[in-house]
Amino acid sequence: MSRQNEDERPRVSDSQSNPGADAAEAVIDVRGVHYAIGDRPIFAGLDLTVKRGLITAVMGPSGTGKTTLLRLITGEIYAGSGRVAVFGRDVGTLTSRELYATRRRMGVLFQNGALLTDLDVYENVAFPVREHTDLPESLIRKLVLTKLEAVGLRGAAELMPAELSGGMARRVALARAIVTDPEILIYDEPFVGLDPISLGVILRLVKQMNDALKITSVVVSHDVHEIATIADYSYLLSDGKVVASGTPAELARSDSATVRQFMTGGAEGPVRFHYPAPDYAEELMEVAR
């Protein structure tokens, strides 16, 4: 992950509190976060909390900043104002060494899997262990084979990424994400492009990993029905902030027009399909001149 210059990093106060959650349970706490790309605001007062041991879903239409939120949590980018705390520490105040140590406590399943194409499955999974530890090869082998067995791909250890199906590649990426036994596991759109069988397998694995390893999971997704089967708590983002939160059942019962449109996939509603633009007819007339 890229890192901004230490002197350019915005410093924010540690004094903001989380009035709505037990601090002992909050593994990730986002309070009053504002973030913009150029003149385009992404977040305008974002508040959410991820509690220890739960699967927390972050949902919302495309372009609402779901992946941006993950980049804020991992310290790849920094909020313009507000506070993003992980393990009780404000990410915006961490030194490079402290941020690196914090990231080692996380596992990330990237949206496209991000497997290293020149390494076979075994070496892809072993890579974080080799990078972050001095463990003997015999122990590395046990770790890698154990994680590959957990995702059902121990027999594929010698295959190259190009030889894997999309679902298999996603499972290898999951094995790599958990090989160092992280405390937080972050999933960025883990269900995109999967066939029904692969989707079912990944859903089951997300739930099993969270329960078996006693970790905290953050799942960014727009797949409403799929995430509802595994999430303990969900946040719906729109217009730069949380517009609804609760259990999947609570969101399904919501009478908010924004929530109903997203949960049902409605074409009509507060969430517009078109990005803001000048008047269509006038712009066409300008092109014709």
C-alpha atoms as a PDB file:
ATOM      1  CA  MET A   1       0.000   0.000   0.000  1.00  0.00           C
ATOM      2  CA  SER A   2       1.234   3.506  -0.788  1.00  0.00           C
ATOM      3  CA  ARG A   3       1.955   5.957   2.019  1.00  0.00           C
ATOM      4  CA  GLN A   4       1.689   9.749   2.034  1.00  0.00           C
ATOM      5  CA  ASN A   5       4.628  11.915   3.116  1.00  0.00           C
ATOM      6  CA  GLU A   6       4.728  12.178   6.930  1.00  0.00           C
ATOM      7  CA  ASP A   7       4.690  16.000   6.789  1.00  0.00           C
ATOM      8  CA  GLU A   8       1.709  16.094   4.410  1.00  0.00           C
ATOM      9  CA  ARG A   9      -0.446  13.811   6.538  1.00  0.00           C
ATOM     10  CA  PRO A  10      -3.338  15.660   8.214  1.00  0.00           C
ATOM     11  CA  ARG A  11      -3.203  15.424  11.997  1.00  0.00           C
ATOM     12  CA  VAL A  12      -6.507  15.100  13.768  1.00  0.00           C
ATOM     13  CA  SER A  13      -7.516  15.095  17.408  1.00  0.00           C
ATOM     14  CA  ASP A  14      -7.800  11.982  19.560  1.00  0.00           C
ATOM     15  CA  SER A  15     -10.384  13.694  21.755  1.00  0.00           C
ATOM     16  CA  GLN A  16     -13.467  12.710  19.758  1.00  0.00           C
ATOM     17  CA  SER A  17     -15.444   9.917  21.441  1.00  0.00           C
ATOM     18  CA  ASN A  18     -17.841   7.280  20.239  1.00  0.00           C
ATOM     19  CA  PRO A  19     -21.103   7.957  22.069  1.00  0.00           C
ATOM     20  CA  GLY A  20     -22.971   5.008  20.597  1.00  0.00           C
ATOM     21  CA  ALA A  21     -20.815   1.963  21.284  1.00  0.00           C
ATOM     22  CA  ASP A  22     -18.866   0.273  24.040  1.00  0.00           C
ATOM     23  CA  ALA A  23     -15.249   1.291  23.476  1.00  0.00           C
ATOM     24  CA  ALA A  24     -14.044  -2.108  24.696  1.00  0.00           C
ATOM     25  CA  GLU A  25     -15.832  -3.754  21.787  1.00  0.00           C
ATOM     26  CA  ALA A  26     -14.874  -1.280  19.073  1.00  0.00           C
ATOM     27  CA  VAL A  27     -12.064  -2.676  16.921  1.00  0.00           C
ATOM     28  CA  ILE A  28     -12.613  -0.001  14.260  1.00  0.00           C
ATOM     29  CA  ASP A  29     -14.226   3.330  15.104  1.00  0.00           C
ATOM     30  CA  VAL A  30     -14.909   6.001  12.465  1.00  0.00           C
ATOM     31  CA  ARG A  31     -16.124   9.363  13.789  1.00  0.00           C
ATOM     32  CA  GLY A  32     -17.058  12.486  11.850  1.00  0.00           C
ATOM     33  CA  VAL A  33     -14.875  11.652   8.862  1.00  0.00           C
ATOM     34  CA  HIS A  34     -14.748  14.036   5.918  1.00  0.00           C
ATOM     35  CA  TYR A  35     -12.821  13.078   2.793  1.00  0.00           C
ATOM     36  CA  ALA A  36     -12.804  14.483  -0.730  1.00  0.00           C
ATOM     37  CA  ILE A  37     -11.024  13.823  -4.007  1.00  0.00           C
ATOM     38  CA  GLY A  38     -10.349  17.260  -5.430  1.00  0.00           C
ATOM     39  CA  ASP A  39     -13.625  19.174  -5.239  1.00  0.00           C
ATOM     40  CA  ARG A  40     -15.717  16.000  -5.071  1.00  0.00           C
ATOM     41  CA  PRO A  41     -16.736  15.037  -1.520  1.00  0.00           C
ATOM     42  CA  ILE A  42     -16.733  11.314  -0.760  1.00  0.00           C
ATOM     43  CA  PHE A  43     -17.545  11.393   2.959  1.00  0.00           C
ATOM     44  CA  ALA A  44     -19.281  14.192   4.845  1.00  0.00           C
ATOM     45  CA  GLY A  45     -19.416  13.257   8.515  1.00  0.00           C
ATOM     46  CA  LEU A  46     -19.142   9.468   8.311  1.00  0.00           C
ATOM     47  CA  ASP A  47     -19.719   7.572  11.577  1.00  0.00           C
ATOM     48  CA  LEU A  48     -19.569   3.794  12.033  1.00  0.00           C
ATOM     49  CA  THR A  49     -18.215   1.197  14.412  1.00  0.00           C
ATOM     50  CA  VAL A  50     -16.968  -2.342  13.830  1.00  0.00           C
ATOM     51  CA  LYS A  51     -17.280  -4.511  16.921  1.00  0.00           C
ATOM     52  CA  ARG A  52     -14.962  -7.347  17.866  1.00  0.00           C
ATOM     53  CA  GLY A  53     -15.885 -10.822  16.675  1.00  0.00           C
ATOM     54  CA  LEU A  54     -18.701  -9.773  14.352  1.00  0.00           C
ATOM     55  CA  ILE A  55     -19.135  -9.766  10.584  1.00  0.00           C
ATOM     56  CA  THR A  56     -19.889  -6.162   9.693  1.00  0.00           C
ATOM     57  CA  ALA A  57     -21.149  -5.390   6.198  1.00  0.00           C
ATOM     58  CA  VAL A  58     -20.632  -2.032   4.498  1.00  0.00           C
ATOM     59  CA  MET A  59     -23.054  -1.628   1.616  1.00  0.00           C
ATOM     60  CA  GLY A  60     -24.073   1.094  -0.787  1.00  0.00           C
ATOM     61  CA  PRO A  61     -24.468   1.985  -4.463  1.00  0.00           C
ATOM     62  CA  SER A  62     -21.375   2.218  -6.670  1.00  0.00           C
ATOM     63  CA  GLY A  63     -19.362   5.368  -6.037  1.00  0.00           C
ATOM     64  CA  THR A  64     -20.377   5.819  -2.404  1.00  0.00           C
ATOM     65  CA  GLY A  65     -16.846   5.310  -1.091  1.00  0.00           C
ATOM     66  CA  LYS A  66     -16.939   1.737   0.192  1.00  0.00           C
ATOM     67  CA  THR A  67     -13.439   0.884  -1.007  1.00  0.00           C
ATOM     68  CA  THR A  68     -12.269   4.367   0.013  1.00  0.00           C
ATOM     69  CA  LEU A  69     -13.363   3.527   3.555  1.00  0.00           C
ATOM     70  CA  LEU A  70     -11.134   0.452   3.532  1.00  0.00           C
ATOM     71  CA  ARG A  71      -8.196   2.582   2.375  1.00  0.00           C
ATOM     72  CA  LEU A  72      -8.823   4.945   5.295  1.00  0.00           C
ATOM     73  CA  ILE A  73      -8.932   2.040   7.748  1.00  0.00           C
ATOM     74  CA  THR A  74      -5.637   0.610   6.480  1.00  0.00           C
ATOM     75  CA  GLY A  75      -3.934   4.014   6.411  1.00  0.00           C
ATOM     76  CA  GLU A  76      -3.367   4.084   2.675  1.00  0.00           C
ATOM     77  CA  ILE A  77      -5.073   7.481   2.640  1.00  0.00           C
ATOM     78  CA  TYR A  78      -6.067   9.880   5.417  1.00  0.00           C
ATOM     79  CA  ALA A  79      -9.239  11.721   6.310  1.00  0.00           C
ATOM     80  CA  GLY A  80      -9.397  15.459   5.738  1.00  0.00           C
ATOM     81  CA  SER A  81     -10.971  15.708   9.196  1.00  0.00           C
ATOM     82  CA  GLY A  82     -12.449  13.370  11.746  1.00  0.00           C
ATOM     83  CA  ARG A  83     -11.011  10.229  13.287  1.00  0.00           C
ATOM     84  CA  VAL A  84     -10.385   6.687  12.051  1.00  0.00           C
ATOM     85  CA  ALA A  85      -9.311   4.519  14.984  1.00  0.00           C
ATOM     86  CA  VAL A  86      -8.132   0.915  14.656  1.00  0.00           C
ATOM     87  CA  PHE A  87      -7.387  -1.106  17.811  1.00  0.00           C
ATOM     88  CA  GLY A  88      -7.990   2.118  19.738  1.00  0.00           C
ATOM     89  CA  ARG A  89      -5.305   4.110  17.895  1.00  0.00           C
ATOM     90  CA  ASP A  90      -6.006   6.987  15.528  1.00  0.00           C
ATOM     91  CA  VAL A  91      -4.578   5.886  12.169  1.00  0.00           C
ATOM     92  CA  GLY A  92      -3.895   9.539  11.306  1.00  0.00           C
ATOM     93  CA  THR A  93      -1.395   9.854  14.163  1.00  0.00           C
ATOM     94  CA  LEU A  94       0.591   6.641  13.655  1.00  0.00           C
ATOM     95  CA  THR A  95       4.214   6.668  12.606  1.00  0.00           C
ATOM     96  CA  SER A  96       5.281   4.559   9.632  1.00  0.00           C
ATOM     97  CA  ARG A  97       6.521   1.820  11.965  1.00  0.00           C
ATOM     98  CA  GLU A  98       3.302   1.858  14.004  1.00  0.00           C
ATOM     99  CA  LEU A  99       1.129   1.760  10.886  1.00  0.00           C
ATOM    100  CA  TYR A 100       3.118  -1.173   9.510  1.00  0.00           C
ATOM    101  CA  ALA A 101       2.632  -3.032  12.804  1.00  0.00           C
ATOM    102  CA  THR A 102      -1.111  -2.297  12.702  1.00  0.00           C
ATOM    103  CA  ARG A 103      -1.420  -3.586   9.147  1.00  0.00           C
ATOM    104  CA  ARG A 104       0.251  -6.836  10.193  1.00  0.00           C
ATOM    105  CA  ARG A 105      -2.761  -7.445  12.421  1.00  0.00           C
ATOM    106  CA  MET A 106      -5.062  -7.275   9.376  1.00  0.00           C
ATOM    107  CA  GLY A 107      -5.738  -9.544   6.428  1.00  0.00           C
ATOM    108  CA  VAL A 108      -7.149  -8.201   3.183  1.00  0.00           C
ATOM    109  CA  LEU A 109      -8.997 -10.044   0.430  1.00  0.00           C
ATOM    110  CA  PHE A 110      -8.711  -7.695  -2.525  1.00  0.00           C
ATOM    111  CA  GLN A 111     -11.538  -7.276  -4.997  1.00  0.00           C
ATOM    112  CA  ASN A 112      -9.647  -8.961  -7.850  1.00  0.00           C
ATOM    113  CA  GLY A 113      -7.766 -11.419  -5.657  1.00  0.00           C
ATOM    114  CA  ALA A 114      -4.428  -9.756  -6.547  1.00  0.00           C
ATOM    115  CA  LEU A 115      -2.496 -13.024  -6.759  1.00  0.00           C
ATOM    116  CA  LEU A 116       1.145 -12.765  -7.792  1.00  0.00           C
ATOM    117  CA  THR A 117       1.073 -14.172 -11.309  1.00  0.00           C
ATOM    118  CA  ASP A 118       4.664 -15.464 -11.345  1.00  0.00           C
ATOM    119  CA  LEU A 119       4.226 -17.534  -8.181  1.00  0.00           C
ATOM    120  CA  ASP A 120       2.285 -20.762  -7.799  1.00  0.00           C
ATOM    121  CA  VAL A 121      -0.567 -21.166  -5.330  1.00  0.00           C
ATOM    122  CA  TYR A 122       1.700 -22.424  -2.544  1.00  0.00           C
ATOM    123  CA  GLU A 123       4.115 -19.498  -2.835  1.00  0.00           C
ATOM    124  CA  ASN A 124       1.282 -16.968  -3.071  1.00  0.00           C
ATOM    125  CA  VAL A 125      -0.047 -18.139   0.274  1.00  0.00           C
ATOM    126  CA  ALA A 126       3.430 -18.394   1.784  1.00  0.00           C
ATOM    127  CA  PHE A 127       4.394 -14.876   0.691  1.00  0.00           C
ATOM    128  CA  PRO A 128       3.089 -12.953   3.759  1.00  0.00           C
ATOM    129  CA  VAL A 129       4.720 -15.444   6.118  1.00  0.00           C
ATOM    130  CA  ARG A 130       8.085 -15.123   4.386  1.00  0.00           C
ATOM    131  CA  GLU A 131       7.733 -11.334   4.330  1.00  0.00           C
ATOM    132  CA  HIS A 132       6.800 -10.839   7.978  1.00  0.00           C
ATOM    133  CA  THR A 133       8.423 -13.723   9.872  1.00  0.00           C
ATOM    134  CA  ASP A 134      11.607 -15.755  10.173  1.00  0.00           C
ATOM    135  CA  LEU A 135       9.819 -19.069  10.620  1.00  0.00           C
ATOM    136  CA  PRO A 136      11.583 -22.243   9.446  1.00  0.00           C
ATOM    137  CA  GLU A 137      10.495 -23.731   6.150  1.00  0.00           C
ATOM    138  CA  SER A 138       8.931 -26.753   7.833  1.00  0.00           C
ATOM    139  CA  LEU A 139       6.560 -24.538   9.839  1.00  0.00           C
ATOM    140  CA  ILE A 140       5.774 -22.348   6.827  1.00  0.00           C
ATOM    141  CA  ARG A 141       4.797 -25.480   4.928  1.00  0.00           C
ATOM    142  CA  LYS A 142       2.434 -26.567   7.718  1.00  0.00           C
ATOM    143  CA  LEU A 143       0.828 -23.117   7.837  1.00  0.00           C
ATOM    144  CA  VAL A 144       0.341 -22.920   4.076  1.00  0.00           C
ATOM    145  CA  LEU A 145      -1.068 -26.429   3.717  1.00  0.00           C
ATOM    146  CA  THR A 146      -3.389 -25.882   6.686  1.00  0.00           C
ATOM    147  CA  LYS A 147      -4.846 -22.712   5.155  1.00  0.00           C
ATOM    148  CA  LEU A 148      -5.156 -24.266   1.700  1.00  0.00           C
ATOM    149  CA  GLU A 149      -6.965 -27.230   3.262  1.00  0.00           C
ATOM    150  CA  ALA A 150      -9.332 -24.793   4.999  1.00  0.00           C
ATOM    151  CA  VAL A 151     -10.364 -23.329   1.626  1.00  0.00           C
ATOM    152  CA  GLY A 152     -10.433 -26.722  -0.101  1.00  0.00           C
ATOM    153  CA  LEU A 153      -7.427 -26.172  -2.363  1.00  0.00           C
ATOM    154  CA  ARG A 154      -4.537 -28.122  -0.837  1.00  0.00           C
ATOM    155  CA  GLY A 155      -4.465 -30.213  -4.008  1.00  0.00           C
ATOM    156  CA  ALA A 156      -3.980 -27.072  -6.117  1.00  0.00           C
ATOM    157  CA  ALA A 157      -0.794 -25.963  -4.356  1.00  0.00           C
ATOM    158  CA  GLU A 158       1.395 -26.337  -7.454  1.00  0.00           C
ATOM    159  CA  LEU A 159      -0.974 -24.640  -9.897  1.00  0.00           C
ATOM    160  CA  MET A 160      -0.233 -21.188 -11.303  1.00  0.00           C
ATOM    161  CA  PRO A 161      -2.793 -18.355 -10.985  1.00  0.00           C
ATOM    162  CA  ALA A 162      -3.520 -18.529 -14.731  1.00  0.00           C
ATOM    163  CA  GLU A 163      -4.676 -22.132 -14.266  1.00  0.00           C
ATOM    164  CA  LEU A 164      -7.307 -21.222 -11.659  1.00  0.00           C
ATOM    165  CA  SER A 165     -10.968 -20.403 -12.128  1.00  0.00           C
ATOM    166  CA  GLY A 166     -12.266 -17.147 -10.695  1.00  0.00           C
ATOM    167  CA  GLY A 167     -13.710 -18.873  -7.658  1.00  0.00           C
ATOM    168  CA  MET A 168     -10.521 -20.834  -7.026  1.00  0.00           C
ATOM    169  CA  ALA A 169      -8.400 -17.693  -7.285  1.00  0.00           C
ATOM    170  CA  ARG A 170     -10.634 -15.967  -4.738  1.00  0.00           C
ATOM    171  CA  ARG A 171     -10.209 -18.914  -2.357  1.00  0.00           C
ATOM    172  CA  VAL A 172      -6.419 -18.840  -2.745  1.00  0.00           C
ATOM    173  CA  ALA A 173      -6.507 -15.119  -1.982  1.00  0.00           C
ATOM    174  CA  LEU A 174      -8.560 -15.900   1.131  1.00  0.00           C
ATOM    175  CA  ALA A 175      -6.016 -18.504   2.251  1.00  0.00           C
ATOM    176  CA  ARG A 176      -3.267 -15.895   1.815  1.00  0.00           C
ATOM    177  CA  ALA A 177      -5.294 -13.321   3.792  1.00  0.00           C
ATOM    178  CA  ILE A 178      -5.650 -15.655   6.789  1.00  0.00           C
ATOM    179  CA  VAL A 179      -2.249 -17.351   6.758  1.00  0.00           C
ATOM    180  CA  THR A 180      -0.840 -15.000   9.417  1.00  0.00           C
ATOM    181  CA  ASP A 181      -3.949 -15.378  11.624  1.00  0.00           C
ATOM    182  CA  PRO A 182      -5.046 -11.707  11.490  1.00  0.00           C
ATOM    183  CA  GLU A 183      -7.320 -10.112  14.066  1.00  0.00           C
ATOM    184  CA  ILE A 184      -9.260  -8.199  11.395  1.00  0.00           C
ATOM    185  CA  LEU A 185     -10.136  -9.659   8.003  1.00  0.00           C
ATOM    186  CA  ILE A 186     -11.213  -7.165   5.334  1.00  0.00           C
ATOM    187  CA  TYR A 187     -13.081  -8.279   2.234  1.00  0.00           C
ATOM    188  CA  ASP A 188     -13.422  -5.873  -0.714  1.00  0.00           C
ATOM    189  CA  GLU A 189     -16.338  -7.035  -2.898  1.00  0.00           C
ATOM    190  CA  PRO A 190     -15.579 -10.758  -2.398  1.00  0.00           C
ATOM    191  CA  PHE A 191     -18.603 -11.966  -4.394  1.00  0.00           C
ATOM    192  CA  VAL A 192     -18.066 -10.107  -7.676  1.00  0.00           C
ATOM    193  CA  GLY A 193     -18.040 -12.312 -10.782  1.00  0.00           C
ATOM    194  CA  LEU A 194     -18.601 -15.604  -8.983  1.00  0.00           C
ATOM    195  CA  ASP A 195     -20.871 -18.369 -10.249  1.00  0.00           C
ATOM    196  CA  PRO A 196     -23.580 -19.572  -7.816  1.00  0.00           C
ATOM    197  CA  ILE A 197     -21.520 -22.511  -6.541  1.00  0.00           C
ATOM    198  CA  SER A 198     -18.376 -20.440  -5.981  1.00  0.00           C
ATOM    199  CA  LEU A 199     -20.493 -17.742  -4.352  1.00  0.00           C
ATOM    200  CA  GLY A 200     -21.975 -20.246  -1.932  1.00  0.00           C
ATOM    201  CA  VAL A 201     -18.525 -21.584  -1.092  1.00  0.00           C
ATOM    202  CA  ILE A 202     -17.091 -18.120  -0.413  1.00  0.00           C
ATOM    203  CA  LEU A 203     -20.091 -17.169   1.743  1.00  0.00           C
ATOM    204  CA  ARG A 204     -19.660 -20.311   3.813  1.00  0.00           C
ATOM    205  CA  LEU A 205     -15.918 -19.717   4.150  1.00  0.00           C
ATOM    206  CA  VAL A 206     -16.360 -16.117   5.290  1.00  0.00           C
ATOM    207  CA  LYS A 207     -18.699 -17.269   8.052  1.00  0.00           C
ATOM    208  CA  GLN A 208     -16.610 -20.291   9.006  1.00  0.00           C
ATOM    209  CA  MET A 209     -13.362 -18.290   9.126  1.00  0.00           C
ATOM    210  CA  ASN A 210     -14.907 -15.638  11.317  1.00  0.00           C
ATOM    211  CA  ASP A 211     -16.318 -18.191  13.771  1.00  0.00           C
ATOM    212  CA  ALA A 212     -13.411 -20.627  13.796  1.00  0.00           C
ATOM    213  CA  LEU A 213     -10.587 -18.074  13.994  1.00  0.00           C
ATOM    214  CA  LYS A 214     -12.475 -15.690  16.321  1.00  0.00           C
ATOM    215  CA  ILE A 215     -11.659 -12.740  14.122  1.00  0.00           C
ATOM    216  CA  THR A 216     -13.480  -9.537  13.201  1.00  0.00           C
ATOM    217  CA  SER A 217     -14.631  -9.299   9.582  1.00  0.00           C
ATOM    218  CA  VAL A 218     -15.453  -6.238   7.493  1.00  0.00           C
ATOM    219  CA  VAL A 219     -17.175  -7.066   4.218  1.00  0.00           C
ATOM    220  CA  VAL A 220     -17.661  -4.365   1.596  1.00  0.00           C
ATOM    221  CA  SER A 221     -20.333  -5.456  -0.850  1.00  0.00           C
ATOM    222  CA  HIS A 222     -23.361  -4.377  -2.861  1.00  0.00           C
ATOM    223  CA  ASP A 223     -24.720  -7.930  -2.998  1.00  0.00           C
ATOM    224  CA  VAL A 224     -27.640  -7.394  -0.625  1.00  0.00           C
ATOM    225  CA  HIS A 225     -29.127 -10.881  -0.451  1.00  0.00           C
ATOM    226  CA  GLU A 226     -25.781 -12.653  -0.179  1.00  0.00           C
ATOM    227  CA  ILE A 227     -24.360 -10.488   2.587  1.00  0.00           C
ATOM    228  CA  ALA A 228     -27.622 -10.687   4.538  1.00  0.00           C
ATOM    229  CA  THR A 229     -27.037 -14.417   5.060  1.00  0.00           C
ATOM    230  CA  ILE A 230     -23.784 -13.931   6.994  1.00  0.00           C
ATOM    231  CA  ALA A 231     -23.621 -10.356   8.359  1.00  0.00           C
ATOM    232  CA  ASP A 232     -24.217  -9.651  12.036  1.00  0.00           C
ATOM    233  CA  TYR A 233     -24.580  -5.925  11.431  1.00  0.00           C
ATOM    234  CA  SER A 234     -24.785  -3.761   8.310  1.00  0.00           C
ATOM    235  CA  TYR A 235     -24.209  -0.146   7.336  1.00  0.00           C
ATOM    236  CA  LEU A 236     -25.700   1.453   4.231  1.00  0.00           C
ATOM    237  CA  LEU A 237     -23.730   4.397   2.821  1.00  0.00           C
ATOM    238  CA  SER A 238     -25.147   7.168   0.637  1.00  0.00           C
ATOM    239  CA  ASP A 239     -24.391  10.856   0.128  1.00  0.00           C
ATOM    240  CA  GLY A 240     -21.177  10.638   2.118  1.00  0.00           C
ATOM    241  CA  LYS A 241     -22.551   9.198   5.338  1.00  0.00           C
ATOM    242  CA  VAL A 242     -24.404   6.288   6.915  1.00  0.00           C
ATOM    243  CA  VAL A 243     -28.090   6.508   5.977  1.00  0.00           C
ATOM    244  CA  ALA A 244     -29.125   3.304   7.744  1.00  0.00           C
ATOM    245  CA  SER A 245     -27.627   0.655  10.008  1.00  0.00           C
ATOM    246  CA  GLY A 246     -28.780  -2.441  11.828  1.00  0.00           C
ATOM    247  CA  THR A 247     -29.070  -6.165  11.413  1.00  0.00           C
ATOM    248  CA  PRO A 248     -29.980  -7.401   7.916  1.00  0.00           C
ATOM    249  CA  ALA A 249     -33.508  -8.084   9.172  1.00  0.00           C
ATOM    250  CA  GLU A 250     -33.823  -4.550  10.513  1.00  0.00           C
ATOM    251  CA  LEU A 251     -32.700  -3.031   7.219  1.00  0.00           C
ATOM    252  CA  ALA A 252     -35.159  -5.225   5.336  1.00  0.00           C
ATOM    253  CA  ARG A 253     -37.984  -3.784   7.446  1.00  0.00           C
ATOM    254  CA  SER A 254     -36.876  -0.167   7.022  1.00  0.00           C
ATOM    255  CA  ASP A 255     -39.392   2.325   5.642  1.00  0.00           C
ATOM    256  CA  SER A 256     -36.645   4.651   4.331  1.00  0.00           C
ATOM    257  CA  ALA A 257     -36.985   5.244   0.590  1.00  0.00           C
ATOM    258  CA  THR A 258     -33.208   5.086   0.125  1.00  0.00           C
ATOM    259  CA  VAL A 259     -32.938   1.798   1.999  1.00  0.00           C
ATOM    260  CA  ARG A 260     -35.888   0.256   0.180  1.00  0.00           C
ATOM    261  CA  GLN A 261     -34.486   1.252  -3.219  1.00  0.00           C
ATOM    262  CA  PHE A 262     -31.111  -0.299  -2.478  1.00  0.00           C
ATOM    263  CA  MET A 263     -32.404  -3.440  -0.782  1.00  0.00           C
ATOM    264  CA  THR A 264     -34.884  -4.148  -3.582  1.00  0.00           C
ATOM    265  CA  GLY A 265     -32.742  -2.952  -6.498  1.00  0.00           C
ATOM    266  CA  GLY A 266     -35.347  -0.390  -7.540  1.00  0.00           C
ATOM    267  CA  ALA A 267     -34.605   1.741 -10.608  1.00  0.00           C
ATOM    268  CA  GLU A 268     -36.593   4.667  -9.216  1.00  0.00           C
ATOM    269  CA  GLY A 269     -35.830   6.402  -5.953  1.00  0.00           C
ATOM    270  CA  PRO A 270     -33.536   8.849  -4.170  1.00  0.00           C
ATOM    271  CA  VAL A 271     -30.358   7.161  -5.463  1.00  0.00           C
ATOM    272  CA  ARG A 272     -29.851   8.423  -8.989  1.00  0.00           C
ATOM    273  CA  PHE A 273     -28.397   6.287 -11.760  1.00  0.00           C
ATOM    274  CA  HIS A 274     -26.915   9.277 -13.623  1.00  0.00           C
ATOM    275  CA  TYR A 275     -23.895  11.142 -12.322  1.00  0.00           C
ATOM    276  CA  PRO A 276     -24.683  14.896 -11.968  1.00  0.00           C
ATOM    277  CA  ALA A 277     -24.271  16.599 -15.338  1.00  0.00           C
ATOM    278  CA  PRO A 278     -25.357  19.745 -17.239  1.00  0.00           C
ATOM    279  CA  ASP A 279     -28.730  19.782 -18.984  1.00  0.00           C
ATOM    280  CA  TYR A 280     -28.705  16.995 -21.581  1.00  0.00           C
ATOM    281  CA  ALA A 281     -30.511  18.894 -24.358  1.00  0.00           C
ATOM    282  CA  GLU A 282     -28.369  21.987 -23.942  1.00  0.00           C
ATOM    283  CA  GLU A 283     -25.155  19.968 -24.026  1.00  0.00           C
ATOM    284  CA  LEU A 284     -26.266  18.193 -27.231  1.00  0.00           C
ATOM    285  CA  MET A 285     -27.050  21.572 -28.803  1.00  0.00           C
ATOM    286  CA  GLU A 286     -23.548  22.795 -27.962  1.00  0.00           C
ATOM    287  CA  VAL A 287     -22.030  19.750 -29.661  1.00  0.00           C
ATOM    288  CA  ALA A 288     -24.135  20.397 -32.771  1.00  0.00           C
ATOM    289  CA  ARG A 289     -22.942  24.006 -33.130  1.00  0.00           C
END
